[in-house]
Amino acid sequence: MALKHPMPDNRPVYLRLREQIAAAIIEGRYGEGAMLPSVRAFAAEQGANPLTVAKAYQQFQADDLIRVQRGVGMFVREGAAERLRAAERAAFLAQEWPPIRERLVRLGIAPAELFDRA
């Protein structure tokens, strides 16, 4: 019987970069009013194409989570962390949790068991 291992992440690079930035905002590494790394700096750090990073940043701008100050940089808007956390929570509960819950039930794992192991 073969064990299932996590699948490779086949999502576009800009979505993976966006997820990294969103996590940094939620975790407070980029707090409200904080300047994000420049497109070029973040691209170099991640080994990504600057156009790909720009696409990830554009989505944050379109979602009104960052503001751009021409010639200065991009800054995290007030409330961005809470909005991102709420969106990620809703997506997790709608998309990721149902199959996890089904697997827990199938394997007979009680939620308390999971917390006891943490």
Protein backbone atom coordinates (compact mmCIF):
# COMPACT_ATOMS: atom_id res chain seq x y z
CA MET A 1 0.00 0.00 0.00
CA ALA A 2 1.49 3.33 -1.06
CA LEU A 3 1.43 6.25 1.34
CA LYS A 4 0.28 9.60 0.06
CA HIS A 5 2.77 12.42 0.27
CA PRO A 6 2.02 16.10 -0.25
CA MET A 7 1.78 16.97 -3.90
CA PRO A 8 4.28 19.40 -5.39
CA ASP A 9 3.04 22.97 -5.50
CA ASN A 10 1.95 23.45 -9.10
CA ARG A 11 0.46 26.89 -8.54
CA PRO A 12 1.91 29.79 -10.52
CA VAL A 13 4.98 31.37 -8.93
CA TYR A 14 3.26 34.73 -8.44
CA LEU A 15 0.60 33.03 -6.28
CA ARG A 16 3.24 31.34 -4.15
CA LEU A 17 5.06 34.67 -3.74
CA ARG A 18 1.78 36.37 -2.88
CA GLU A 19 1.17 33.73 -0.21
CA GLN A 20 4.62 34.36 1.30
CA ILE A 21 4.01 38.10 1.44
CA ALA A 22 0.50 37.60 2.87
CA ALA A 23 1.93 35.34 5.59
CA ALA A 24 4.55 37.97 6.44
CA ILE A 25 1.83 40.62 6.75
CA ILE A 26 -0.41 38.38 8.87
CA GLU A 27 2.51 37.41 11.13
CA GLY A 28 3.49 41.06 11.57
CA ARG A 29 6.84 40.92 9.80
CA TYR A 30 5.43 43.70 7.63
CA GLY A 31 3.19 45.65 9.98
CA GLU A 32 0.69 48.35 9.15
CA GLY A 33 2.48 51.24 7.48
CA ALA A 34 5.62 49.16 6.91
CA MET A 35 7.38 49.39 3.60
CA LEU A 36 7.53 46.19 1.57
CA PRO A 37 10.78 45.20 -0.12
CA SER A 38 11.16 46.63 -3.59
CA VAL A 39 10.16 44.42 -6.50
CA ARG A 40 13.81 43.96 -7.47
CA ALA A 41 14.99 43.25 -3.91
CA PHE A 42 12.25 40.68 -3.29
CA ALA A 43 12.85 39.09 -6.69
CA ALA A 44 16.56 38.74 -5.95
CA GLU A 45 15.85 37.32 -2.49
CA GLN A 46 13.42 34.74 -3.89
CA GLY A 47 15.31 33.98 -7.10
CA ALA A 48 12.25 35.07 -9.07
CA ASN A 49 11.68 37.20 -12.14
CA PRO A 50 10.91 40.84 -11.17
CA LEU A 51 7.85 40.78 -13.46
CA THR A 52 6.50 37.84 -11.47
CA VAL A 53 7.01 39.69 -8.19
CA ALA A 54 5.37 42.79 -9.70
CA LYS A 55 2.33 40.66 -10.58
CA ALA A 56 2.07 39.45 -6.97
CA TYR A 57 2.36 43.02 -5.68
CA GLN A 58 -0.24 44.24 -8.20
CA GLN A 59 -2.78 41.84 -6.70
CA PHE A 60 -2.18 43.32 -3.23
CA GLN A 61 -2.66 46.78 -4.70
CA ALA A 62 -5.86 45.71 -6.51
CA ASP A 63 -7.16 44.28 -3.23
CA ASP A 64 -6.34 47.61 -1.53
CA LEU A 65 -3.97 45.92 0.94
CA ILE A 66 -0.97 48.07 0.04
CA ARG A 67 -0.53 51.63 -1.13
CA VAL A 68 2.08 52.79 -3.56
CA GLN A 69 3.93 56.03 -3.00
CA ARG A 70 5.59 56.82 -6.30
CA GLY A 71 9.34 57.13 -6.05
CA VAL A 72 9.32 55.89 -2.44
CA GLY A 73 7.84 52.38 -2.24
CA MET A 74 4.91 50.21 -1.31
CA PHE A 75 3.40 50.25 2.17
CA VAL A 76 1.04 47.92 4.05
CA ARG A 77 -2.36 49.52 4.56
CA GLU A 78 -4.07 49.72 7.93
CA GLY A 79 -6.20 46.63 8.53
CA ALA A 80 -4.42 44.56 5.87
CA ALA A 81 -3.42 41.80 8.30
CA GLU A 82 -6.96 41.39 9.61
CA ARG A 83 -8.43 41.36 6.11
CA LEU A 84 -5.88 38.81 4.90
CA ARG A 85 -6.40 36.62 7.98
CA ALA A 86 -10.18 36.68 7.48
CA ALA A 87 -9.85 35.80 3.79
CA GLU A 88 -7.37 32.99 4.46
CA ARG A 89 -9.52 31.63 7.28
CA ALA A 90 -12.59 31.57 5.04
CA ALA A 91 -10.64 29.87 2.23
CA PHE A 92 -9.21 27.28 4.66
CA LEU A 93 -12.62 26.45 6.11
CA ALA A 94 -14.23 26.20 2.67
CA GLN A 95 -11.50 24.46 0.68
CA GLU A 96 -8.88 22.80 2.88
CA TRP A 97 -10.76 21.78 6.04
CA PRO A 98 -13.45 19.51 4.54
CA PRO A 99 -10.99 16.92 3.12
CA ILE A 100 -8.88 17.11 6.30
CA ARG A 101 -11.97 16.52 8.44
CA GLU A 102 -13.02 13.61 6.23
CA ARG A 103 -9.61 12.03 6.60
CA LEU A 104 -9.63 12.49 10.38
CA VAL A 105 -13.00 10.75 10.56
CA ARG A 106 -11.84 7.97 8.24
CA LEU A 107 -8.73 7.38 10.36
CA GLY A 108 -10.58 7.64 13.66
CA ILE A 109 -8.49 10.57 14.90
CA ALA A 110 -10.16 12.75 17.52
CA PRO A 111 -9.37 16.49 17.40
CA ALA A 112 -8.08 16.31 21.00
CA GLU A 113 -5.42 13.81 19.84
CA LEU A 114 -4.05 16.39 17.42
CA PHE A 115 -3.73 19.06 20.09
CA ASP A 116 -2.13 16.62 22.54
CA ARG A 117 0.68 16.07 20.02
CA ALA A 118 1.44 19.75 19.46
